[in-house]
Amino acid sequence: MTLLQKAGIGILAIALLWFGYSKLFATKTKTTYTTEPASKGTLIVSISASGTISSANSASVTTQTSGVVSKIYVKNGDTVKSGDAIAEVELDMNGQQRANQALASYQSAKNQLASAQASMYSLQSSMYSKWKSYMDTAQNSTYQNTDGSANTGNRVLTPFTIAQDDWLAAEAQYANQKNVVAAAQTSVSSAWASYQQSSPTIYAPISGVISGLSLQVGSVLTSQTSSTGTSTSQRIANIKTGATPVAVVNLSEVDVPKISIEDKVTLTMDAFSSQTFTGKVVSIDTTGSVSSGVTTYPAYIQFDTAIDGIYPNMGVDAKIITDVKDTVILVPNAAVKTTNGQKTVTVLKNGVATPLEVTTGSANDSETEITSGISEGDVVVTATTNSGTTSKSSATSPFSSFGGAVRMGGR
């Protein structure tokens, strides 16, 4: 036996020895399962959205007046009625000019209303006169039978039709003039509202509780104008009504078909971090709006109760409840796997994990309803962890010290 053959036999023996060593001390894999029992419970499905508190339960007290505040009649927290005086202003030159123009417009509107009413009264008198003439003609023996019935044959004659048409025309003119009077009354109301905006007295636009009033006696109100030179209003306070607040949240085009009027809502706000409020959907703007290619649909949510300290434009997060299912079998979402459209849940029994086909129903962010495939109490696998163990000595190849492959046999 040559020296090279002896060397080969020695290397082979070492290799066999290493193989037995690696088998003896090989890494062993251990599988650990995270489980949770399938349970019966209530599944609440909701859609999340965010938005702001609207001003649906408050109005701004505004004015176009300019000058120096001379009197203040109310303070924050006071209850006022629509039309109550809020403050008095000593007008500057611009303020006087605007107030005089507005007053002249109001007086002109009142004069037009009085003229329209006078015309209406005159037309009313004419209508009654024409009606009496028509009745006298209609009751004449020529146009009425002895039993009081209409003589239809003679009522086509010219004297009768003239009397009838005169009455109908007068009635139509009177009805039209009533509409003219109504329009004139609207113009007077509009002119008065415009005058209130520029008058020395600042009035409450609605009834409610004053808040945000920052005026002081001696405060200066400067005239405000738009870029086109038109006078604009400035806000000096708010009036909050007793209505419950309304939140406006934006829904995506995927979510909006799932929402219905009267859906219950839970709401949270950064301003009240420790509280959760309830409400309901009262309106959905299905016209929507598009911004940067994204379409959103505003939904209006009314709080169930009035809450102190909630102000317009505060941020709000809403969870709109779209479905509630009682006494259904629930598993964590992580337990449900989908392969080629088929859903499975792995059940652990006597240490053996078995995938079972299931049919699912509704789901929320954490749980899924199982309608068939498993039962209440089945232990389902939500996660699998594989771990390995080895001996203290590492199983290293005996050939590593040679720095490469060793050829056996040959020359």
Protein backbone atom coordinates (compact mmCIF):
# COMPACT_ATOMS: atom_id res chain seq x y z
CA MET A 1 0.00 0.00 0.00
CA THR A 2 1.50 3.30 -1.07
CA LEU A 3 1.97 6.26 1.19
CA LEU A 4 -0.64 8.23 -0.75
CA GLN A 5 -3.22 5.44 -0.35
CA LYS A 6 -2.56 5.32 3.38
CA ALA A 7 -3.07 9.08 3.56
CA GLY A 8 -6.36 8.75 1.68
CA ILE A 9 -7.59 6.05 4.05
CA GLY A 10 -6.68 8.29 7.00
CA ILE A 11 -8.58 11.25 5.57
CA LEU A 12 -11.59 9.06 4.90
CA ALA A 13 -11.54 7.86 8.52
CA ILE A 14 -11.40 11.43 9.72
CA ALA A 15 -14.34 12.35 7.48
CA LEU A 16 -16.42 9.48 8.81
CA LEU A 17 -15.53 10.48 12.33
CA TRP A 18 -16.61 14.10 11.66
CA PHE A 19 -19.87 12.94 10.08
CA GLY A 20 -20.73 10.95 13.20
CA TYR A 21 -19.74 13.89 15.37
CA SER A 22 -21.96 16.31 13.42
CA LYS A 23 -24.90 13.94 13.66
CA LEU A 24 -24.39 13.52 17.37
CA PHE A 25 -24.10 17.26 18.04
CA ALA A 26 -26.31 18.61 15.19
CA THR A 27 -28.60 21.63 15.74
CA LYS A 28 -32.13 20.64 16.71
CA THR A 29 -35.05 22.85 15.56
CA LYS A 30 -37.87 23.63 18.03
CA THR A 31 -41.20 25.13 16.87
CA THR A 32 -43.09 27.38 19.26
CA TYR A 33 -46.68 28.49 18.60
CA THR A 34 -48.43 31.63 19.77
CA THR A 35 -52.09 30.77 20.21
CA GLU A 36 -55.42 32.16 21.23
CA PRO A 37 -58.78 30.41 21.61
CA ALA A 38 -61.60 31.14 19.17
CA SER A 39 -64.31 32.84 21.18
CA LYS A 40 -67.86 34.06 20.81
CA GLY A 41 -68.37 37.77 21.15
CA THR A 42 -69.58 40.99 19.57
CA LEU A 43 -67.86 42.25 16.43
CA ILE A 44 -67.97 46.00 15.85
CA VAL A 45 -66.99 47.12 12.35
CA SER A 46 -66.13 50.79 11.93
CA ILE A 47 -64.57 53.21 9.45
CA SER A 48 -62.09 55.82 10.67
CA ALA A 49 -62.13 59.41 9.46
CA SER A 50 -60.83 62.77 10.62
CA GLY A 51 -62.01 66.35 10.33
CA THR A 52 -62.90 69.42 12.35
CA ILE A 53 -65.69 70.88 14.46
CA SER A 54 -67.93 73.08 12.33
CA SER A 55 -69.60 76.32 13.39
CA ALA A 56 -73.09 74.82 13.13
CA ASN A 57 -73.92 75.77 16.71
CA SER A 58 -72.34 79.24 16.77
CA ALA A 59 -72.30 82.46 14.79
CA SER A 60 -69.86 85.33 14.57
CA VAL A 61 -70.74 88.84 15.69
CA THR A 62 -69.39 91.00 12.86
CA THR A 63 -69.42 94.67 11.96
CA GLN A 64 -68.29 97.03 9.22
CA THR A 65 -68.27 99.90 11.72
CA SER A 66 -65.08 101.89 12.21
CA GLY A 67 -64.31 104.17 15.10
CA VAL A 68 -63.72 104.04 18.87
CA VAL A 69 -65.69 101.72 21.16
CA SER A 70 -67.55 103.94 23.62
CA LYS A 71 -69.83 101.46 25.43
CA ILE A 72 -69.97 97.70 25.90
CA TYR A 73 -73.29 96.21 26.97
CA VAL A 74 -72.36 92.55 27.47
CA LYS A 75 -69.51 90.34 28.67
CA ASN A 76 -68.37 86.81 27.91
CA GLY A 77 -70.85 84.27 29.25
CA ASP A 78 -73.87 86.57 28.98
CA THR A 79 -77.02 85.31 27.27
CA VAL A 80 -78.35 87.59 24.53
CA LYS A 81 -81.28 87.59 22.13
CA SER A 82 -81.19 88.32 18.43
CA GLY A 83 -81.08 92.08 17.93
CA ASP A 84 -79.70 92.92 21.37
CA ALA A 85 -77.07 95.66 21.48
CA ILE A 86 -73.53 94.38 22.01
CA ALA A 87 -71.53 97.60 21.91
CA GLU A 88 -71.64 101.27 20.89
CA VAL A 89 -69.04 102.90 18.64
CA GLU A 90 -68.17 106.57 18.14
CA LEU A 91 -67.84 106.58 14.36
CA ASP A 92 -64.86 108.00 12.51
CA MET A 93 -65.26 109.79 9.14
CA ASN A 94 -65.30 106.60 7.09
CA GLY A 95 -67.70 104.99 9.53
CA GLN A 96 -70.08 107.94 9.35
CA GLN A 97 -70.08 107.86 5.56
CA ARG A 98 -70.88 104.14 5.42
CA ALA A 99 -73.55 104.44 8.10
CA ASN A 100 -75.24 107.35 6.30
CA GLN A 101 -75.22 105.50 2.99
CA ALA A 102 -76.70 102.41 4.60
CA LEU A 103 -79.33 104.48 6.41
CA ALA A 104 -80.32 106.21 3.17
CA SER A 105 -80.69 102.80 1.47
CA TYR A 106 -82.84 101.58 4.35
CA GLN A 107 -85.08 104.66 4.21
CA SER A 108 -85.42 104.31 0.43
CA ALA A 109 -86.43 100.67 0.83
CA LYS A 110 -89.06 101.67 3.40
CA ASN A 111 -90.46 104.28 1.00
CA GLN A 112 -90.67 101.69 -1.78
CA LEU A 113 -92.48 99.34 0.56
CA ALA A 114 -94.99 102.02 1.51
CA SER A 115 -95.60 102.83 -2.17
CA ALA A 116 -96.07 99.14 -3.01
CA GLN A 117 -98.53 98.74 -0.12
CA ALA A 118 -100.52 101.78 -1.27
CA SER A 119 -100.77 100.31 -4.78
CA MET A 120 -101.87 97.00 -3.30
CA TYR A 121 -104.67 98.66 -1.33
CA SER A 122 -105.83 100.52 -4.45
CA LEU A 123 -105.81 97.32 -6.51
CA GLN A 124 -107.65 95.53 -3.73
CA SER A 125 -110.38 98.18 -3.81
CA SER A 126 -110.58 97.95 -7.60
CA MET A 127 -110.78 94.16 -7.42
CA TYR A 128 -113.74 94.30 -4.99
CA SER A 129 -115.46 96.90 -7.18
CA LYS A 130 -115.00 94.76 -10.30
CA TRP A 131 -116.18 91.72 -8.38
CA LYS A 132 -119.39 93.54 -7.32
CA SER A 133 -120.05 94.63 -10.91
CA TYR A 134 -119.52 91.06 -12.07
CA MET A 135 -121.89 89.67 -9.40
CA ASP A 136 -124.56 92.26 -10.27
CA THR A 137 -124.30 91.24 -13.90
CA ALA A 138 -124.23 87.51 -13.18
CA GLN A 139 -127.35 87.75 -10.99
CA ASN A 140 -129.26 89.72 -13.61
CA SER A 141 -132.27 87.83 -14.98
CA THR A 142 -130.62 87.85 -18.39
CA TYR A 143 -127.73 85.70 -17.15
CA GLN A 144 -129.41 83.79 -14.29
CA ASN A 145 -132.46 81.54 -14.40
CA THR A 146 -135.35 81.94 -12.00
CA ASP A 147 -134.16 78.94 -9.96
CA GLY A 148 -130.80 80.68 -9.39
CA SER A 149 -128.83 78.52 -11.81
CA ALA A 150 -126.55 80.08 -14.43
CA ASN A 151 -128.01 80.86 -17.84
CA THR A 152 -125.08 79.40 -19.75
CA GLY A 153 -126.56 80.34 -23.08
CA ASN A 154 -126.56 84.08 -22.34
CA ARG A 155 -123.28 84.07 -20.36
CA VAL A 156 -121.36 84.01 -23.62
CA LEU A 157 -122.72 87.45 -24.50
CA THR A 158 -120.28 90.39 -24.54
CA PRO A 159 -121.62 92.38 -21.50
CA PHE A 160 -121.22 89.33 -19.27
CA THR A 161 -117.72 88.36 -20.51
CA ILE A 162 -116.54 91.99 -20.13
CA ALA A 163 -117.71 92.11 -16.50
CA GLN A 164 -116.12 88.73 -15.79
CA ASP A 165 -112.79 89.59 -17.47
CA ASP A 166 -112.60 92.96 -15.64
CA TRP A 167 -112.98 91.15 -12.30
CA LEU A 168 -110.43 88.44 -13.16
CA ALA A 169 -107.92 91.04 -14.38
CA ALA A 170 -108.31 93.10 -11.21
CA GLU A 171 -107.87 89.95 -9.10
CA ALA A 172 -104.67 89.03 -10.98
CA GLN A 173 -103.25 92.55 -10.58
CA TYR A 174 -103.94 92.46 -6.86
CA ALA A 175 -102.26 89.05 -6.47
CA ASN A 176 -99.22 90.29 -8.39
CA GLN A 177 -99.01 93.43 -6.24
CA LYS A 178 -99.00 91.27 -3.11
CA ASN A 179 -95.82 89.66 -4.46
CA VAL A 180 -94.36 93.12 -5.10
CA VAL A 181 -95.07 94.05 -1.48
CA ALA A 182 -93.41 90.86 -0.24
CA ALA A 183 -90.30 91.65 -2.30
CA ALA A 184 -90.27 95.20 -0.94
CA GLN A 185 -90.48 93.87 2.60
CA THR A 186 -87.48 91.62 1.90
CA SER A 187 -85.57 94.62 0.57
CA VAL A 188 -86.34 96.54 3.77
CA SER A 189 -85.04 93.63 5.89
CA SER A 190 -81.90 93.42 3.78
CA ALA A 191 -81.32 97.18 3.96
CA TRP A 192 -81.80 97.12 7.72
CA ALA A 193 -79.30 94.28 8.08
CA SER A 194 -76.80 96.27 6.00
CA TYR A 195 -77.39 99.32 8.15
CA GLN A 196 -76.84 97.27 11.32
CA GLN A 197 -73.45 96.23 9.95
CA SER A 198 -72.32 99.84 9.66
CA SER A 199 -74.41 101.55 12.34
CA PRO A 200 -72.84 102.92 15.55
CA THR A 201 -74.55 100.10 17.48
CA ILE A 202 -73.28 96.53 17.09
CA TYR A 203 -76.13 94.00 17.35
CA ALA A 204 -76.35 90.28 18.16
CA PRO A 205 -77.22 88.33 14.99
CA ILE A 206 -78.73 85.36 16.85
CA SER A 207 -79.74 84.34 20.38
CA GLY A 208 -77.23 82.51 22.54
CA VAL A 209 -74.24 82.90 24.85
CA ILE A 210 -71.49 85.44 24.17
CA SER A 211 -67.92 84.15 23.88
CA GLY A 212 -64.65 85.43 22.49
CA LEU A 213 -65.53 89.09 23.08
CA SER A 214 -62.25 90.97 23.08
CA LEU A 215 -63.46 94.58 22.86
CA GLN A 216 -62.64 97.15 25.54
CA VAL A 217 -63.91 100.69 25.95
CA GLY A 218 -61.47 102.74 23.90
CA SER A 219 -60.68 99.94 21.45
CA VAL A 220 -60.28 101.18 17.88
CA LEU A 221 -62.12 99.43 15.05
CA THR A 222 -60.54 100.18 11.69
CA SER A 223 -62.37 99.96 8.38
CA GLN A 224 -61.80 96.72 6.46
CA THR A 225 -61.88 96.53 2.66
CA SER A 226 -61.36 93.77 0.11
CA SER A 227 -58.91 93.91 -2.80
CA THR A 228 -61.70 95.38 -4.93
CA GLY A 229 -62.36 98.17 -2.44
CA THR A 230 -65.58 96.70 -1.07
CA SER A 231 -66.18 97.07 2.65
CA THR A 232 -65.80 93.81 4.56
CA SER A 233 -66.83 92.74 8.04
CA GLN A 234 -64.60 92.03 11.01
CA ARG A 235 -65.45 89.59 13.79
CA ILE A 236 -65.59 90.89 17.36
CA ALA A 237 -67.21 87.96 19.21
CA ASN A 238 -69.07 84.66 18.90
CA ILE A 239 -72.52 83.62 20.00
CA LYS A 240 -72.99 79.95 20.84
CA THR A 241 -76.44 78.38 20.79
CA GLY A 242 -77.68 75.43 22.82
CA ALA A 243 -77.44 73.07 19.84
CA THR A 244 -75.03 70.15 20.09
CA PRO A 245 -71.76 70.49 18.15
CA VAL A 246 -71.35 69.15 14.62
CA ALA A 247 -68.17 67.58 13.27
CA VAL A 248 -67.34 67.42 9.57
CA VAL A 249 -65.11 64.51 8.49
CA ASN A 250 -63.91 63.53 5.03
CA LEU A 251 -64.70 60.09 3.62
CA SER A 252 -62.87 58.42 0.74
CA GLU A 253 -64.72 57.21 -2.33
CA VAL A 254 -64.12 53.64 -1.08
CA ASP A 255 -65.65 54.29 2.35
CA VAL A 256 -68.58 56.58 1.53
CA PRO A 257 -70.87 53.82 0.09
CA LYS A 258 -70.55 51.94 3.40
CA ILE A 259 -71.89 54.84 5.49
CA SER A 260 -75.58 55.48 6.16
CA ILE A 261 -77.51 58.29 7.80
CA GLU A 262 -78.07 57.60 11.53
CA ASP A 263 -74.92 55.42 11.79
CA LYS A 264 -73.54 55.65 15.34
CA VAL A 265 -70.13 57.30 15.83
CA THR A 266 -67.49 57.51 18.54
CA LEU A 267 -65.38 60.67 18.54
CA THR A 268 -62.11 61.69 20.16
CA MET A 269 -60.38 65.06 20.28
CA ASP A 270 -56.88 66.18 21.21
CA ALA A 271 -58.45 68.92 23.31
CA PHE A 272 -60.17 66.23 25.44
CA SER A 273 -57.60 63.44 25.33
CA SER A 274 -59.14 61.46 28.19
CA GLN A 275 -62.72 61.52 26.88
CA THR A 276 -64.66 59.73 24.16
CA PHE A 277 -67.86 61.24 22.79
CA THR A 278 -70.75 59.72 20.87
CA GLY A 279 -72.82 60.98 17.98
CA LYS A 280 -74.50 59.99 14.74
CA VAL A 281 -74.20 60.73 11.02
CA VAL A 282 -76.83 63.31 10.07
CA SER A 283 -75.80 64.16 6.51
CA ILE A 284 -73.41 63.12 3.71
CA ASP A 285 -72.42 65.47 0.89
CA THR A 286 -72.43 62.99 -2.00
CA THR A 287 -71.29 65.66 -4.46
CA GLY A 288 -67.81 65.57 -2.92
CA SER A 289 -64.77 67.59 -3.87
CA VAL A 290 -61.54 66.84 -5.70
CA SER A 291 -58.13 68.03 -4.52
CA SER A 292 -54.87 66.93 -6.16
CA GLY A 293 -56.74 64.11 -7.88
CA VAL A 294 -58.20 62.76 -4.62
CA THR A 295 -61.98 62.77 -4.13
CA THR A 296 -63.44 63.15 -0.66
CA TYR A 297 -67.02 63.33 0.61
CA PRO A 298 -67.84 65.37 3.75
CA ALA A 299 -69.98 63.62 6.36
CA TYR A 300 -71.68 65.64 9.09
CA ILE A 301 -71.75 64.09 12.56
CA GLN A 302 -73.89 65.54 15.34
CA PHE A 303 -72.75 65.01 18.93
CA ASP A 304 -75.31 63.39 21.22
CA THR A 305 -74.83 66.01 23.95
CA ALA A 306 -73.71 69.61 24.22
CA ILE A 307 -70.16 69.95 25.55
CA ASP A 308 -68.55 73.02 27.06
CA GLY A 309 -65.18 73.96 25.66
CA ILE A 310 -65.67 72.64 22.12
CA TYR A 311 -65.00 75.37 19.59
CA PRO A 312 -65.15 75.63 15.79
CA ASN A 313 -62.18 74.24 13.81
CA MET A 314 -60.95 71.93 16.61
CA GLY A 315 -59.60 68.66 15.24
CA VAL A 316 -61.65 65.49 15.68
CA ASP A 317 -61.17 61.78 14.93
CA ALA A 318 -64.25 59.67 14.28
CA LYS A 319 -65.01 55.97 14.12
CA ILE A 320 -68.25 55.44 12.23
CA ILE A 321 -69.86 52.13 13.19
CA THR A 322 -71.15 50.38 10.06
CA ASP A 323 -71.98 46.94 11.47
CA VAL A 324 -72.48 45.22 14.84
CA LYS A 325 -72.73 41.42 15.09
CA ASP A 326 -73.51 39.68 18.38
CA THR A 327 -72.50 36.16 19.51
CA VAL A 328 -70.30 35.31 16.53
CA ILE A 329 -67.08 33.25 16.53
CA LEU A 330 -64.07 35.55 16.46
CA VAL A 331 -60.36 34.96 15.90
CA PRO A 332 -57.46 37.43 15.68
CA ASN A 333 -56.78 38.65 12.14
CA ALA A 334 -53.29 37.17 12.33
CA ALA A 335 -54.80 33.66 12.55
CA VAL A 336 -56.41 33.89 9.11
CA LYS A 337 -54.22 33.03 6.11
CA THR A 338 -55.21 33.31 2.45
CA THR A 339 -53.68 31.11 -0.26
CA ASN A 340 -55.02 31.10 -3.82
CA GLY A 341 -58.23 32.65 -2.59
CA GLN A 342 -58.81 30.00 0.06
CA LYS A 343 -58.75 31.09 3.70
CA THR A 344 -57.39 28.82 6.40
CA VAL A 345 -56.92 28.87 10.16
CA THR A 346 -54.33 26.64 11.83
CA VAL A 347 -55.71 24.83 14.88
CA LEU A 348 -53.39 23.40 17.54
CA LYS A 349 -54.58 20.15 19.14
CA ASN A 350 -52.45 17.82 21.26
CA GLY A 351 -49.36 19.67 20.11
CA VAL A 352 -50.18 19.13 16.40
CA ALA A 353 -50.86 22.17 14.20
CA THR A 354 -53.48 21.49 11.49
CA PRO A 355 -54.57 24.04 8.85
CA LEU A 356 -58.36 24.04 8.37
CA GLU A 357 -60.34 25.72 5.60
CA VAL A 358 -62.74 28.36 6.95
CA THR A 359 -65.39 30.76 5.73
CA THR A 360 -65.10 34.30 7.06
CA GLY A 361 -67.65 37.05 7.54
CA SER A 362 -67.06 40.63 8.61
CA ALA A 363 -63.81 41.90 10.08
CA ASN A 364 -62.44 44.95 11.84
CA ASP A 365 -58.89 46.11 12.57
CA SER A 366 -58.17 43.29 15.02
CA GLU A 367 -60.71 40.44 14.68
CA THR A 368 -62.37 38.37 11.96
CA GLU A 369 -65.72 36.60 12.09
CA ILE A 370 -65.60 32.86 11.28
CA THR A 371 -68.90 31.52 9.92
CA SER A 372 -67.76 27.93 9.35
CA GLY A 373 -64.70 25.67 9.66
CA ILE A 374 -63.84 25.94 13.37
CA SER A 375 -65.73 26.01 16.64
CA GLU A 376 -65.74 28.10 19.76
CA GLY A 377 -62.85 27.12 22.02
CA ASP A 378 -60.57 25.81 19.24
CA VAL A 379 -57.00 26.94 19.89
CA VAL A 380 -55.84 28.84 16.80
CA VAL A 381 -52.26 29.68 15.88
CA THR A 382 -51.52 33.38 15.46
CA ALA A 383 -47.72 33.13 15.07
CA THR A 384 -45.00 30.47 14.69
CA THR A 385 -41.42 30.74 15.99
CA ASN A 386 -38.62 28.32 15.03
CA SER A 387 -35.56 28.09 17.34
CA GLY A 388 -32.43 25.83 17.32
CA THR A 389 -30.07 24.32 20.00
CA THR A 390 -26.45 23.07 19.58
CA SER A 391 -23.71 21.50 21.77
CA LYS A 392 -20.98 23.52 23.44
CA SER A 393 -18.46 22.38 20.76
CA SER A 394 -19.10 23.66 17.28
CA ALA A 395 -19.50 21.12 14.47
CA THR A 396 -16.69 22.32 12.15
CA SER A 397 -15.52 20.46 9.06
CA PRO A 398 -12.15 18.66 9.62
CA PHE A 399 -11.14 19.76 6.16
CA SER A 400 -11.17 23.44 6.99
CA SER A 401 -7.55 23.33 8.13
CA PHE A 402 -6.41 22.16 4.72
CA GLY A 403 -7.49 25.46 3.13
CA GLY A 404 -9.17 23.71 0.21
CA ALA A 405 -10.37 20.43 -1.23
CA VAL A 406 -8.31 17.27 -0.84
CA ARG A 407 -8.10 14.94 -3.82
CA MET A 408 -8.19 11.23 -2.96
CA GLY A 409 -6.36 8.54 -4.87
CA GLY A 410 -4.45 8.97 -8.11
CA ARG A 411 -0.96 10.20 -8.48
